[in-house]
PDB file of N, CA and C in Angstrom:
ATOM      1  N   UNK A   1     -50.385 -43.018   5.155  1.00  0.00           N
ATOM      2  CA  UNK A   1     -49.519 -42.373   4.325  1.00  0.00           C
ATOM      3  C   UNK A   1     -48.002 -43.071   4.765  1.00  0.00           C
ATOM      4  N   UNK A   2     -47.665 -43.211   3.837  1.00  0.00           N
ATOM      5  CA  UNK A   2     -46.135 -43.988   3.557  1.00  0.00           C
ATOM      6  C   UNK A   2     -44.890 -42.849   3.920  1.00  0.00           C
ATOM      7  N   UNK A   3     -43.910 -42.613   4.686  1.00  0.00           N
ATOM      8  CA  UNK A   3     -42.768 -42.005   4.486  1.00  0.00           C
ATOM      9  C   UNK A   3     -41.678 -42.111   3.478  1.00  0.00           C
ATOM     10  N   UNK A   4     -41.067 -41.317   3.075  1.00  0.00           N
ATOM     11  CA  UNK A   4     -40.583 -41.637   2.131  1.00  0.00           C
ATOM     12  C   UNK A   4     -38.807 -42.117   2.360  1.00  0.00           C
ATOM     13  N   UNK A   5     -38.757 -42.902   1.449  1.00  0.00           N
ATOM     14  CA  UNK A   5     -37.143 -43.741   1.865  1.00  0.00           C
ATOM     15  C   UNK A   5     -36.135 -42.725   1.893  1.00  0.00           C
ATOM     16  N   UNK A   6     -35.383 -43.215   3.075  1.00  0.00           N
ATOM     17  CA  UNK A   6     -34.324 -42.549   3.086  1.00  0.00           C
ATOM     18  C   UNK A   6     -33.437 -43.242   2.576  1.00  0.00           C
ATOM     19  N   UNK A   7     -32.803 -42.598   1.128  1.00  0.00           N
ATOM     20  CA  UNK A   7     -31.801 -43.358   0.441  1.00  0.00           C
ATOM     21  C   UNK A   7     -30.332 -42.671   0.675  1.00  0.00           C
ATOM     22  N   UNK A   8     -29.365 -42.562   0.204  1.00  0.00           N
ATOM     23  CA  UNK A   8     -28.182 -41.784   0.770  1.00  0.00           C
ATOM     24  C   UNK A   8     -28.350 -40.822  -0.005  1.00  0.00           C
ATOM     25  N   UNK A   9     -28.667 -40.512  -1.286  1.00  0.00           N
ATOM     26  CA  UNK A   9     -28.406 -38.750  -1.626  1.00  0.00           C
ATOM     27  C   UNK A   9     -29.752 -38.246  -0.181  1.00  0.00           C
ATOM     28  N   UNK A  10     -30.853 -38.614   0.038  1.00  0.00           N
ATOM     29  CA  UNK A  10     -31.605 -37.573   0.980  1.00  0.00           C
ATOM     30  C   UNK A  10     -30.468 -37.595   2.502  1.00  0.00           C
ATOM     31  N   UNK A  11     -30.156 -38.785   2.893  1.00  0.00           N
ATOM     32  CA  UNK A  11     -29.074 -38.543   4.269  1.00  0.00           C
ATOM     33  C   UNK A  11     -28.157 -37.650   3.508  1.00  0.00           C
ATOM     34  N   UNK A  12     -27.316 -37.537   2.431  1.00  0.00           N
ATOM     35  CA  UNK A  12     -26.549 -36.609   2.286  1.00  0.00           C
ATOM     36  C   UNK A  12     -27.376 -34.956   2.182  1.00  0.00           C
ATOM     37  N   UNK A  13     -28.451 -35.147   2.287  1.00  0.00           N
ATOM     38  CA  UNK A  13     -28.979 -33.722   1.404  1.00  0.00           C
ATOM     39  C   UNK A  13     -29.331 -33.232   3.280  1.00  0.00           C
ATOM     40  N   UNK A  14     -29.160 -34.012   4.162  1.00  0.00           N
ATOM     41  CA  UNK A  14     -30.279 -33.696   5.618  1.00  0.00           C
ATOM     42  C   UNK A  14     -28.689 -33.646   6.258  1.00  0.00           C
ATOM     43  N   UNK A  15     -27.507 -33.991   5.630  1.00  0.00           N
ATOM     44  CA  UNK A  15     -26.374 -33.735   6.637  1.00  0.00           C
ATOM     45  C   UNK A  15     -25.959 -32.510   6.287  1.00  0.00           C
ATOM     46  N   UNK A  16     -26.127 -32.190   5.040  1.00  0.00           N
ATOM     47  CA  UNK A  16     -25.615 -30.827   4.502  1.00  0.00           C
ATOM     48  C   UNK A  16     -26.624 -29.323   4.761  1.00  0.00           C
ATOM     49  N   UNK A  17     -27.529 -30.014   5.000  1.00  0.00           N
ATOM     50  CA  UNK A  17     -28.316 -28.298   5.775  1.00  0.00           C
ATOM     51  C   UNK A  17     -28.128 -28.200   7.365  1.00  0.00           C
ATOM     52  N   UNK A  18     -27.979 -29.868   8.143  1.00  0.00           N
ATOM     53  CA  UNK A  18     -27.884 -29.318   9.409  1.00  0.00           C
ATOM     54  C   UNK A  18     -26.630 -28.656   9.715  1.00  0.00           C
ATOM     55  N   UNK A  19     -25.256 -29.350   8.732  1.00  0.00           N
ATOM     56  CA  UNK A  19     -23.993 -28.555   8.658  1.00  0.00           C
ATOM     57  C   UNK A  19     -23.859 -27.059   8.521  1.00  0.00           C
ATOM     58  N   UNK A  20     -24.951 -26.885   7.214  1.00  0.00           N
ATOM     59  CA  UNK A  20     -25.094 -25.380   6.623  1.00  0.00           C
ATOM     60  C   UNK A  20     -25.651 -24.516   8.278  1.00  0.00           C
ATOM     61  N   UNK A  21     -27.055 -25.098   8.957  1.00  0.00           N
ATOM     62  CA  UNK A  21     -27.185 -24.624   9.922  1.00  0.00           C
ATOM     63  C   UNK A  21     -26.361 -24.397  11.313  1.00  0.00           C
ATOM     64  N   UNK A  22     -25.638 -25.227  11.367  1.00  0.00           N
ATOM     65  CA  UNK A  22     -24.892 -25.354  12.584  1.00  0.00           C
ATOM     66  C   UNK A  22     -23.470 -24.153  11.530  1.00  0.00           C
ATOM     67  N   UNK A  23     -23.262 -24.211  11.189  1.00  0.00           N
ATOM     68  CA  UNK A  23     -22.118 -22.902  10.313  1.00  0.00           C
ATOM     69  C   UNK A  23     -22.508 -21.754  10.859  1.00  0.00           C
ATOM     70  N   UNK A  24     -23.997 -21.253  10.387  1.00  0.00           N
ATOM     71  CA  UNK A  24     -24.425 -20.135  10.384  1.00  0.00           C
ATOM     72  C   UNK A  24     -24.787 -19.581  11.808  1.00  0.00           C
ATOM     73  N   UNK A  25     -24.821 -20.623  12.354  1.00  0.00           N
ATOM     74  CA  UNK A  25     -24.879 -20.370  14.199  1.00  0.00           C
ATOM     75  C   UNK A  25     -23.700 -20.155  14.678  1.00  0.00           C
ATOM     76  N   UNK A  26     -22.688 -20.820  14.126  1.00  0.00           N
ATOM     77  CA  UNK A  26     -21.054 -20.428  14.658  1.00  0.00           C
ATOM     78  C   UNK A  26     -21.006 -18.724  14.139  1.00  0.00           C
ATOM     79  N   UNK A  27     -21.092 -18.864  12.960  1.00  0.00           N
ATOM     80  CA  UNK A  27     -20.793 -17.020  12.521  1.00  0.00           C
ATOM     81  C   UNK A  27     -21.551 -16.162  13.297  1.00  0.00           C
ATOM     82  N   UNK A  28     -22.756 -16.357  13.397  1.00  0.00           N
ATOM     83  CA  UNK A  28     -23.363 -15.391  13.545  1.00  0.00           C
ATOM     84  C   UNK A  28     -23.261 -15.034  15.082  1.00  0.00           C
ATOM     85  N   UNK A  29     -22.617 -15.855  15.964  1.00  0.00           N
ATOM     86  CA  UNK A  29     -22.308 -15.678  17.521  1.00  0.00           C
ATOM     87  C   UNK A  29     -20.603 -14.916  17.447  1.00  0.00           C
ATOM     88  N   UNK A  30     -19.816 -15.697  16.408  1.00  0.00           N
ATOM     89  CA  UNK A  30     -19.176 -14.696  16.028  1.00  0.00           C
ATOM     90  C   UNK A  30     -18.722 -13.202  15.982  1.00  0.00           C
ATOM     91  N   UNK A  31     -19.395 -13.127  15.104  1.00  0.00           N
ATOM     92  CA  UNK A  31     -19.749 -11.626  14.597  1.00  0.00           C
ATOM     93  C   UNK A  31     -20.806 -11.011  15.573  1.00  0.00           C
ATOM     94  N   UNK A  32     -21.563 -11.705  16.736  1.00  0.00           N
ATOM     95  CA  UNK A  32     -22.107 -11.004  17.654  1.00  0.00           C
ATOM     96  C   UNK A  32     -20.786 -10.499  19.096  1.00  0.00           C
ATOM     97  N   UNK A  33     -19.675 -11.322  18.718  1.00  0.00           N
ATOM     98  CA  UNK A  33     -18.153 -11.400  19.912  1.00  0.00           C
ATOM     99  C   UNK A  33     -17.783 -10.290  19.396  1.00  0.00           C
ATOM    100  N   UNK A  34     -17.397 -10.291  18.047  1.00  0.00           N
ATOM    101  CA  UNK A  34     -16.192  -8.979  17.753  1.00  0.00           C
ATOM    102  C   UNK A  34     -17.316  -7.555  17.740  1.00  0.00           C
ATOM    103  N   UNK A  35     -18.302  -7.722  17.946  1.00  0.00           N
ATOM    104  CA  UNK A  35     -19.337  -6.743  17.309  1.00  0.00           C
ATOM    105  C   UNK A  35     -19.309  -5.885  18.893  1.00  0.00           C
ATOM    106  N   UNK A  36     -19.202  -6.843  20.064  1.00  0.00           N
ATOM    107  CA  UNK A  36     -18.814  -6.465  21.615  1.00  0.00           C
ATOM    108  C   UNK A  36     -17.653  -5.695  21.723  1.00  0.00           C
ATOM    109  N   UNK A  37     -16.551  -6.501  20.720  1.00  0.00           N
ATOM    110  CA  UNK A  37     -15.289  -6.214  21.540  1.00  0.00           C
ATOM    111  C   UNK A  37     -14.825  -5.093  20.720  1.00  0.00           C
ATOM    112  N   UNK A  38     -15.362  -4.854  19.691  1.00  0.00           N
ATOM    113  CA  UNK A  38     -15.149  -3.560  18.569  1.00  0.00           C
ATOM    114  C   UNK A  38     -15.649  -2.388  19.267  1.00  0.00           C
ATOM    115  N   UNK A  39     -16.962  -2.501  20.548  1.00  0.00           N
ATOM    116  CA  UNK A  39     -17.310  -1.284  20.806  1.00  0.00           C
ATOM    117  C   UNK A  39     -16.931  -0.936  22.759  1.00  0.00           C
ATOM    118  N   UNK A  40     -16.012  -1.790  22.654  1.00  0.00           N
ATOM    119  CA  UNK A  40     -15.689  -1.381  23.991  1.00  0.00           C
ATOM    120  C   UNK A  40     -14.587  -1.279  23.542  1.00  0.00           C
ATOM    121  N   UNK A  41     -13.603  -1.231  22.536  1.00  0.00           N
ATOM    122  CA  UNK A  41     -12.606  -0.694  21.993  1.00  0.00           C
ATOM    123  C   UNK A  41     -12.838   0.853  21.579  1.00  0.00           C
ATOM    124  N   UNK A  42     -14.198   0.955  20.780  1.00  0.00           N
ATOM    125  CA  UNK A  42     -14.242   2.313  20.446  1.00  0.00           C
ATOM    126  C   UNK A  42     -14.810   3.021  21.974  1.00  0.00           C
ATOM    127  N   UNK A  43     -15.256   2.638  23.096  1.00  0.00           N
ATOM    128  CA  UNK A  43     -15.445   3.471  24.132  1.00  0.00           C
ATOM    129  C   UNK A  43     -14.466   3.463  24.743  1.00  0.00           C
ATOM    130  N   UNK A  44     -13.243   2.590  24.386  1.00  0.00           N
ATOM    131  CA  UNK A  44     -12.013   3.010  25.435  1.00  0.00           C
ATOM    132  C   UNK A  44     -11.271   4.108  24.356  1.00  0.00           C
ATOM    133  N   UNK A  45     -10.774   3.951  23.508  1.00  0.00           N
ATOM    134  CA  UNK A  45     -10.122   5.560  22.685  1.00  0.00           C
ATOM    135  C   UNK A  45     -11.156   6.724  22.611  1.00  0.00           C
ATOM    136  N   UNK A  46     -12.695   6.265  22.960  1.00  0.00           N
ATOM    137  CA  UNK A  46     -13.031   7.950  23.155  1.00  0.00           C
ATOM    138  C   UNK A  46     -12.844   8.394  24.383  1.00  0.00           C
ATOM    139  N   UNK A  47     -12.832   7.665  25.422  1.00  0.00           N
ATOM    140  CA  UNK A  47     -12.606   8.320  26.667  1.00  0.00           C
ATOM    141  C   UNK A  47     -10.919   8.449  26.400  1.00  0.00           C
ATOM    142  N   UNK A  48      -9.977   7.959  26.242  1.00  0.00           N
ATOM    143  CA  UNK A  48      -8.679   8.078  26.131  1.00  0.00           C
ATOM    144  C   UNK A  48      -8.827   9.588  25.007  1.00  0.00           C
ATOM    145  N   UNK A  49      -9.497   9.590  23.995  1.00  0.00           N
ATOM    146  CA  UNK A  49      -9.881  11.347  23.014  1.00  0.00           C
ATOM    147  C   UNK A  49     -10.201  12.116  23.879  1.00  0.00           C
ATOM    148  N   UNK A  50     -10.897  12.368  24.754  1.00  0.00           N
ATOM    149  CA  UNK A  50     -11.958  13.363  25.537  1.00  0.00           C
ATOM    150  C   UNK A  50     -10.212  13.317  26.457  1.00  0.00           C
ATOM    151  N   UNK A  51      -9.592  12.880  26.815  1.00  0.00           N
ATOM    152  CA  UNK A  51      -8.917  13.270  28.203  1.00  0.00           C
ATOM    153  C   UNK A  51      -7.393  13.834  27.756  1.00  0.00           C
ATOM    154  N   UNK A  52      -7.096  13.388  25.970  1.00  0.00           N
ATOM    155  CA  UNK A  52      -5.974  14.553  25.404  1.00  0.00           C
ATOM    156  C   UNK A  52      -6.460  15.423  25.443  1.00  0.00           C
ATOM    157  N   UNK A  53      -7.545  15.501  24.828  1.00  0.00           N
ATOM    158  CA  UNK A  53      -8.893  17.194  24.796  1.00  0.00           C
ATOM    159  C   UNK A  53      -8.308  17.660  25.444  1.00  0.00           C
ATOM    160  N   UNK A  54      -9.005  17.214  26.881  1.00  0.00           N
ATOM    161  CA  UNK A  54      -8.410  18.095  28.412  1.00  0.00           C
ATOM    162  C   UNK A  54      -7.252  18.548  28.794  1.00  0.00           C
ATOM    163  N   UNK A  55      -6.582  17.918  28.242  1.00  0.00           N
ATOM    164  CA  UNK A  55      -4.639  17.994  28.386  1.00  0.00           C
ATOM    165  C   UNK A  55      -4.227  19.017  27.773  1.00  0.00           C
ATOM    166  N   UNK A  56      -4.997  18.770  26.316  1.00  0.00           N
ATOM    167  CA  UNK A  56      -4.321  19.703  25.680  1.00  0.00           C
ATOM    168  C   UNK A  56      -5.001  21.602  26.034  1.00  0.00           C
ATOM    169  N   UNK A  57      -6.042  21.462  26.476  1.00  0.00           N
ATOM    170  CA  UNK A  57      -6.679  22.419  26.989  1.00  0.00           C
ATOM    171  C   UNK A  57      -6.394  23.046  28.326  1.00  0.00           C
ATOM    172  N   UNK A  58      -5.716  22.284  28.789  1.00  0.00           N
ATOM    173  CA  UNK A  58      -5.035  22.621  30.207  1.00  0.00           C
ATOM    174  C   UNK A  58      -4.084  22.845  29.956  1.00  0.00           C
ATOM    175  N   UNK A  59      -3.071  22.728  29.130  1.00  0.00           N
ATOM    176  CA  UNK A  59      -1.636  22.888  28.862  1.00  0.00           C
ATOM    177  C   UNK A  59      -2.253  24.404  28.155  1.00  0.00           C
ATOM    178  N   UNK A  60      -3.027  25.022  27.269  1.00  0.00           N
ATOM    179  CA  UNK A  60      -3.164  26.043  26.346  1.00  0.00           C
ATOM    180  C   UNK A  60      -3.763  27.004  27.521  1.00  0.00           C
ATOM    181  N   UNK A  61      -4.563  26.849  28.546  1.00  0.00           N
ATOM    182  CA  UNK A  61      -4.853  27.361  30.240  1.00  0.00           C
ATOM    183  C   UNK A  61      -4.108  28.169  30.832  1.00  0.00           C
ATOM    184  N   UNK A  62      -2.783  27.124  30.695  1.00  0.00           N
ATOM    185  CA  UNK A  62      -1.816  27.675  31.282  1.00  0.00           C
ATOM    186  C   UNK A  62      -0.862  28.574  30.846  1.00  0.00           C
ATOM    187  N   UNK A  63      -0.653  28.563  29.763  1.00  0.00           N
ATOM    188  CA  UNK A  63       0.107  29.394  28.784  1.00  0.00           C
ATOM    189  C   UNK A  63      -0.510  30.595  28.776  1.00  0.00           C
ATOM    190  N   UNK A  64      -2.051  30.433  28.837  1.00  0.00           N
ATOM    191  CA  UNK A  64      -2.567  32.054  28.812  1.00  0.00           C
ATOM    192  C   UNK A  64      -2.933  32.531  30.089  1.00  0.00           C
ATOM    193  N   UNK A  65      -2.763  31.686  31.571  1.00  0.00           N
ATOM    194  CA  UNK A  65      -2.679  32.343  32.552  1.00  0.00           C
ATOM    195  C   UNK A  65      -0.890  32.729  33.410  1.00  0.00           C
ATOM    196  N   UNK A  66      -0.190  32.140  32.080  1.00  0.00           N
ATOM    197  CA  UNK A  66       1.340  32.452  32.727  1.00  0.00           C
ATOM    198  C   UNK A  66       1.657  31.577  33.860  1.00  0.00           C
ATOM    199  N   UNK A  67       1.248  29.905  34.125  1.00  0.00           N
ATOM    200  CA  UNK A  67       1.474  29.086  35.105  1.00  0.00           C
ATOM    201  C   UNK A  67       2.460  28.387  34.407  1.00  0.00           C
ATOM    202  N   UNK A  68       2.490  28.409  33.023  1.00  0.00           N
ATOM    203  CA  UNK A  68       3.908  27.327  32.841  1.00  0.00           C
ATOM    204  C   UNK A  68       4.661  28.195  31.924  1.00  0.00           C
ATOM    205  N   UNK A  69       5.542  27.931  31.170  1.00  0.00           N
ATOM    206  CA  UNK A  69       6.194  28.439  30.129  1.00  0.00           C
ATOM    207  C   UNK A  69       5.658  27.957  28.711  1.00  0.00           C
ATOM    208  N   UNK A  70       5.545  29.188  27.867  1.00  0.00           N
ATOM    209  CA  UNK A  70       4.365  29.150  26.707  1.00  0.00           C
ATOM    210  C   UNK A  70       5.479  28.316  26.328  1.00  0.00           C
ATOM    211  N   UNK A  71       6.404  28.111  25.852  1.00  0.00           N
ATOM    212  CA  UNK A  71       7.386  26.972  24.753  1.00  0.00           C
ATOM    213  C   UNK A  71       6.887  25.466  24.848  1.00  0.00           C
ATOM    214  N   UNK A  72       7.143  25.451  26.274  1.00  0.00           N
ATOM    215  CA  UNK A  72       6.910  23.764  26.577  1.00  0.00           C
ATOM    216  C   UNK A  72       5.754  23.349  26.650  1.00  0.00           C
ATOM    217  N   UNK A  73       4.573  24.531  26.941  1.00  0.00           N
ATOM    218  CA  UNK A  73       3.549  24.177  27.003  1.00  0.00           C
ATOM    219  C   UNK A  73       2.652  24.149  25.958  1.00  0.00           C
ATOM    220  N   UNK A  74       3.251  24.646  24.902  1.00  0.00           N
ATOM    221  CA  UNK A  74       2.676  24.718  23.443  1.00  0.00           C
ATOM    222  C   UNK A  74       3.173  23.374  23.052  1.00  0.00           C
ATOM    223  N   UNK A  75       4.084  22.918  23.709  1.00  0.00           N
ATOM    224  CA  UNK A  75       4.989  21.871  23.398  1.00  0.00           C
ATOM    225  C   UNK A  75       4.051  20.522  23.596  1.00  0.00           C
ATOM    226  N   UNK A  76       3.523  20.780  24.283  1.00  0.00           N
ATOM    227  CA  UNK A  76       2.785  19.349  25.226  1.00  0.00           C
ATOM    228  C   UNK A  76       1.233  20.218  24.592  1.00  0.00           C
ATOM    229  N   UNK A  77       0.996  20.791  24.921  1.00  0.00           N
ATOM    230  CA  UNK A  77      -0.611  21.218  24.025  1.00  0.00           C
ATOM    231  C   UNK A  77      -0.492  20.549  22.504  1.00  0.00           C
ATOM    232  N   UNK A  78       0.721  20.602  21.300  1.00  0.00           N
ATOM    233  CA  UNK A  78       0.505  20.312  20.179  1.00  0.00           C
ATOM    234  C   UNK A  78       1.032  18.253  20.321  1.00  0.00           C
ATOM    235  N   UNK A  79       1.894  18.015  21.548  1.00  0.00           N
ATOM    236  CA  UNK A  79       1.477  16.536  21.566  1.00  0.00           C
ATOM    237  C   UNK A  79       0.540  15.847  21.921  1.00  0.00           C
ATOM    238  N   UNK A  80      -0.266  16.804  22.613  1.00  0.00           N
ATOM    239  CA  UNK A  80      -1.932  16.279  23.295  1.00  0.00           C
ATOM    240  C   UNK A  80      -2.801  16.536  22.043  1.00  0.00           C
ATOM    241  N   UNK A  81      -2.762  17.155  20.969  1.00  0.00           N
ATOM    242  CA  UNK A  81      -3.148  17.542  19.930  1.00  0.00           C
ATOM    243  C   UNK A  81      -3.408  16.235  19.357  1.00  0.00           C
ATOM    244  N   UNK A  82      -2.183  15.612  19.044  1.00  0.00           N
ATOM    245  CA  UNK A  82      -1.961  14.846  17.983  1.00  0.00           C
ATOM    246  C   UNK A  82      -2.501  13.572  18.882  1.00  0.00           C
ATOM    247  N   UNK A  83      -1.976  13.175  19.637  1.00  0.00           N
ATOM    248  CA  UNK A  83      -2.820  11.868  20.432  1.00  0.00           C
ATOM    249  C   UNK A  83      -4.773  12.199  20.571  1.00  0.00           C
ATOM    250  N   UNK A  84      -4.819  13.379  20.683  1.00  0.00           N
ATOM    251  CA  UNK A  84      -5.998  13.154  20.459  1.00  0.00           C
ATOM    252  C   UNK A  84      -6.566  12.705  19.183  1.00  0.00           C
ATOM    253  N   UNK A  85      -6.318  13.475  18.251  1.00  0.00           N
ATOM    254  CA  UNK A  85      -6.472  12.899  16.718  1.00  0.00           C
ATOM    255  C   UNK A  85      -5.920  11.828  16.335  1.00  0.00           C
ATOM    256  N   UNK A  86      -4.860  11.165  17.252  1.00  0.00           N
ATOM    257  CA  UNK A  86      -4.656   9.488  17.069  1.00  0.00           C
ATOM    258  C   UNK A  86      -6.116   8.864  17.427  1.00  0.00           C
ATOM    259  N   UNK A  87      -6.042   9.131  18.570  1.00  0.00           N
ATOM    260  CA  UNK A  87      -7.326   8.266  19.509  1.00  0.00           C
ATOM    261  C   UNK A  87      -8.820   8.480  18.727  1.00  0.00           C
ATOM    262  N   UNK A  88      -8.678  10.193  18.220  1.00  0.00           N
ATOM    263  CA  UNK A  88      -9.949   9.835  17.539  1.00  0.00           C
ATOM    264  C   UNK A  88     -10.304   8.975  16.170  1.00  0.00           C
ATOM    265  N   UNK A  89      -8.776   8.477  15.377  1.00  0.00           N
ATOM    266  CA  UNK A  89      -8.934   8.184  14.302  1.00  0.00           C
ATOM    267  C   UNK A  89      -9.266   6.385  14.677  1.00  0.00           C
ATOM    268  N   UNK A  90      -8.646   5.854  15.737  1.00  0.00           N
ATOM    269  CA  UNK A  90      -8.788   4.944  16.350  1.00  0.00           C
ATOM    270  C   UNK A  90     -10.394   4.511  16.943  1.00  0.00           C
ATOM    271  N   UNK A  91     -10.900   5.632  17.440  1.00  0.00           N
ATOM    272  CA  UNK A  91     -12.227   5.512  17.955  1.00  0.00           C
ATOM    273  C   UNK A  91     -13.225   5.476  16.673  1.00  0.00           C
ATOM    274  N   UNK A  92     -13.012   6.210  15.660  1.00  0.00           N
ATOM    275  CA  UNK A  92     -13.798   6.107  14.462  1.00  0.00           C
ATOM    276  C   UNK A  92     -13.743   4.802  13.508  1.00  0.00           C
ATOM    277  N   UNK A  93     -11.842   4.015  13.805  1.00  0.00           N
ATOM    278  CA  UNK A  93     -11.876   2.882  13.404  1.00  0.00           C
ATOM    279  C   UNK A  93     -12.584   1.914  13.909  1.00  0.00           C
ATOM    280  N   UNK A  94     -12.653   1.617  15.225  1.00  0.00           N
ATOM    281  CA  UNK A  94     -13.567   0.654  16.023  1.00  0.00           C
ATOM    282  C   UNK A  94     -14.986   0.813  15.959  1.00  0.00           C
ATOM    283  N   UNK A  95     -15.741   1.845  15.470  1.00  0.00           N
ATOM    284  CA  UNK A  95     -17.250   2.539  15.405  1.00  0.00           C
ATOM    285  C   UNK A  95     -16.974   1.942  14.113  1.00  0.00           C
ATOM    286  N   UNK A  96     -16.460   2.010  13.281  1.00  0.00           N
ATOM    287  CA  UNK A  96     -16.851   1.542  11.982  1.00  0.00           C
ATOM    288  C   UNK A  96     -16.714  -0.487  11.812  1.00  0.00           C
ATOM    289  N   UNK A  97     -15.939  -0.395  12.337  1.00  0.00           N
ATOM    290  CA  UNK A  97     -16.031  -2.187  12.570  1.00  0.00           C
ATOM    291  C   UNK A  97     -16.682  -2.562  13.473  1.00  0.00           C
ATOM    292  N   UNK A  98     -17.496  -1.785  14.532  1.00  0.00           N
ATOM    293  CA  UNK A  98     -19.130  -2.475  14.973  1.00  0.00           C
ATOM    294  C   UNK A  98     -19.790  -2.776  14.481  1.00  0.00           C
ATOM    295  N   UNK A  99     -19.805  -1.868  13.351  1.00  0.00           N
ATOM    296  CA  UNK A  99     -21.162  -1.528  12.318  1.00  0.00           C
ATOM    297  C   UNK A  99     -21.005  -2.842  11.313  1.00  0.00           C
ATOM    298  N   UNK A 100     -20.105  -3.149  10.715  1.00  0.00           N
ATOM    299  CA  UNK A 100     -19.517  -4.055  10.063  1.00  0.00           C
ATOM    300  C   UNK A 100     -18.368  -4.879  10.219  1.00  0.00           C
ATOM    301  N   UNK A 101     -18.723  -5.935  11.266  1.00  0.00           N
ATOM    302  CA  UNK A 101     -17.784  -6.724  12.216  1.00  0.00           C
ATOM    303  C   UNK A 101     -17.539  -7.932  11.425  1.00  0.00           C
ATOM    304  N   UNK A 102     -18.096  -8.442  10.090  1.00  0.00           N
ATOM    305  CA  UNK A 102     -17.841  -9.389   9.100  1.00  0.00           C
ATOM    306  C   UNK A 102     -16.023  -8.883   8.167  1.00  0.00           C
ATOM    307  N   UNK A 103     -15.886  -7.379   8.169  1.00  0.00           N
ATOM    308  CA  UNK A 103     -14.735  -7.107   7.451  1.00  0.00           C
ATOM    309  C   UNK A 103     -13.594  -6.643   8.455  1.00  0.00           C
ATOM    310  N   UNK A 104     -12.409  -7.005   7.957  1.00  0.00           N
ATOM    311  CA  UNK A 104     -10.905  -7.588   8.606  1.00  0.00           C
ATOM    312  C   UNK A 104     -10.699  -6.276   8.954  1.00  0.00           C
ATOM    313  N   UNK A 105     -10.364  -6.277  10.287  1.00  0.00           N
ATOM    314  CA  UNK A 105      -9.544  -4.765  10.800  1.00  0.00           C
ATOM    315  C   UNK A 105      -8.136  -4.589  10.874  1.00  0.00           C
ATOM    316  N   UNK A 106      -7.588  -3.833  10.295  1.00  0.00           N
ATOM    317  CA  UNK A 106      -6.228  -3.423  10.118  1.00  0.00           C
ATOM    318  C   UNK A 106      -5.890  -3.410  11.813  1.00  0.00           C
ATOM    319  N   UNK A 107      -4.498  -4.112  12.553  1.00  0.00           N
ATOM    320  CA  UNK A 107      -4.037  -4.037  13.554  1.00  0.00           C
ATOM    321  C   UNK A 107      -3.611  -2.554  14.029  1.00  0.00           C
ATOM    322  N   UNK A 108      -3.760  -2.080  14.973  1.00  0.00           N
ATOM    323  CA  UNK A 108      -3.241  -1.247  15.319  1.00  0.00           C
ATOM    324  C   UNK A 108      -2.162  -1.061  15.785  1.00  0.00           C
ATOM    325  N   UNK A 109      -1.128  -0.154  14.889  1.00  0.00           N
ATOM    326  CA  UNK A 109       0.609   0.328  15.395  1.00  0.00           C
ATOM    327  C   UNK A 109       0.461   0.872  16.906  1.00  0.00           C
ATOM    328  N   UNK A 110       1.956   0.366  17.823  1.00  0.00           N
ATOM    329  CA  UNK A 110       2.181   0.949  18.801  1.00  0.00           C
ATOM    330  C   UNK A 110       2.068   2.274  18.540  1.00  0.00           C
ATOM    331  N   UNK A 111       2.316   3.224  19.857  1.00  0.00           N
ATOM    332  CA  UNK A 111       2.166   4.606  20.094  1.00  0.00           C
ATOM    333  C   UNK A 111       3.203   5.155  19.176  1.00  0.00           C
ATOM    334  N   UNK A 112       4.630   4.343  19.322  1.00  0.00           N
ATOM    335  CA  UNK A 112       5.524   5.198  19.309  1.00  0.00           C
ATOM    336  C   UNK A 112       5.822   4.844  17.364  1.00  0.00           C
ATOM    337  N   UNK A 113       5.038   3.554  16.803  1.00  0.00           N
ATOM    338  CA  UNK A 113       5.308   3.437  15.472  1.00  0.00           C
ATOM    339  C   UNK A 113       4.285   3.756  14.359  1.00  0.00           C
ATOM    340  N   UNK A 114       3.420   4.741  15.320  1.00  0.00           N
ATOM    341  CA  UNK A 114       2.273   5.039  13.851  1.00  0.00           C
ATOM    342  C   UNK A 114       3.167   6.132  13.149  1.00  0.00           C
ATOM    343  N   UNK A 115       2.781   5.444  11.932  1.00  0.00           N
ATOM    344  CA  UNK A 115       3.235   5.967  10.415  1.00  0.00           C
ATOM    345  C   UNK A 115       2.657   7.353  10.426  1.00  0.00           C
ATOM    346  N   UNK A 116       1.436   8.083  11.185  1.00  0.00           N
ATOM    347  CA  UNK A 116       0.801   8.866  10.627  1.00  0.00           C
ATOM    348  C   UNK A 116       1.794  10.088  11.628  1.00  0.00           C
ATOM    349  N   UNK A 117       2.570   9.408  12.407  1.00  0.00           N
ATOM    350  CA  UNK A 117       3.277  10.760  13.048  1.00  0.00           C
ATOM    351  C   UNK A 117       4.105  10.648  13.120  1.00  0.00           C
ATOM    352  N   UNK A 118       5.449  11.346  12.857  1.00  0.00           N
ATOM    353  CA  UNK A 118       7.031  11.400  12.912  1.00  0.00           C
ATOM    354  C   UNK A 118       7.484  11.328  14.194  1.00  0.00           C
ATOM    355  N   UNK A 119       7.579  10.397  14.647  1.00  0.00           N
ATOM    356  CA  UNK A 119       8.379  10.214  16.492  1.00  0.00           C
ATOM    357  C   UNK A 119       9.564  11.075  16.220  1.00  0.00           C
ATOM    358  N   UNK A 120       9.881  12.069  15.468  1.00  0.00           N
ATOM    359  CA  UNK A 120      11.212  12.881  15.312  1.00  0.00           C
ATOM    360  C   UNK A 120      11.081  13.908  15.493  1.00  0.00           C
ATOM    361  N   UNK A 121       9.232  14.561  15.049  1.00  0.00           N
ATOM    362  CA  UNK A 121       8.795  15.892  15.396  1.00  0.00           C
ATOM    363  C   UNK A 121       7.583  15.844  16.035  1.00  0.00           C
ATOM    364  N   UNK A 122       7.112  17.157  16.287  1.00  0.00           N
ATOM    365  CA  UNK A 122       5.578  17.273  17.132  1.00  0.00           C
ATOM    366  C   UNK A 122       4.396  17.192  15.342  1.00  0.00           C
ATOM    367  N   UNK A 123       4.924  17.229  14.120  1.00  0.00           N
ATOM    368  CA  UNK A 123       3.588  17.163  13.481  1.00  0.00           C
ATOM    369  C   UNK A 123       3.821  15.923  13.226  1.00  0.00           C
ATOM    370  N   UNK A 124       2.099  16.344  13.258  1.00  0.00           N
ATOM    371  CA  UNK A 124       1.178  14.726  12.525  1.00  0.00           C
ATOM    372  C   UNK A 124       0.685  15.176  10.774  1.00  0.00           C
ATOM    373  N   UNK A 125      -0.352  14.762  10.295  1.00  0.00           N
ATOM    374  CA  UNK A 125      -0.763  14.522   9.647  1.00  0.00           C
ATOM    375  C   UNK A 125      -1.315  16.031   8.903  1.00  0.00           C
TER     376      UNK A 125
END
């Protein structure tokens, strides 16, 4: 049986198919790497959220037991509550991003510049 002649059209088709396979492989590797990074960030913020919740509970427990001055401890409890909410939002953001790594993720705001918390007050969203 005679093999088909490899003319210019067929070579162009072979090169295009090889290019698509290579590009798909690179993209898949990139998505796996992004998923891994997002999962690491999710666990980091989940840990921070848990620590902020524990600190809030400790501050409120100090108010009840009379260890701390109530006004100052309530201020700390409110601050830790806002931090826990912020870390919870970041945890949820990276959890969603780990399931959909092809969608762009908005960069995080530095703690003092988070628009959901007015730095001049202790009130959040």
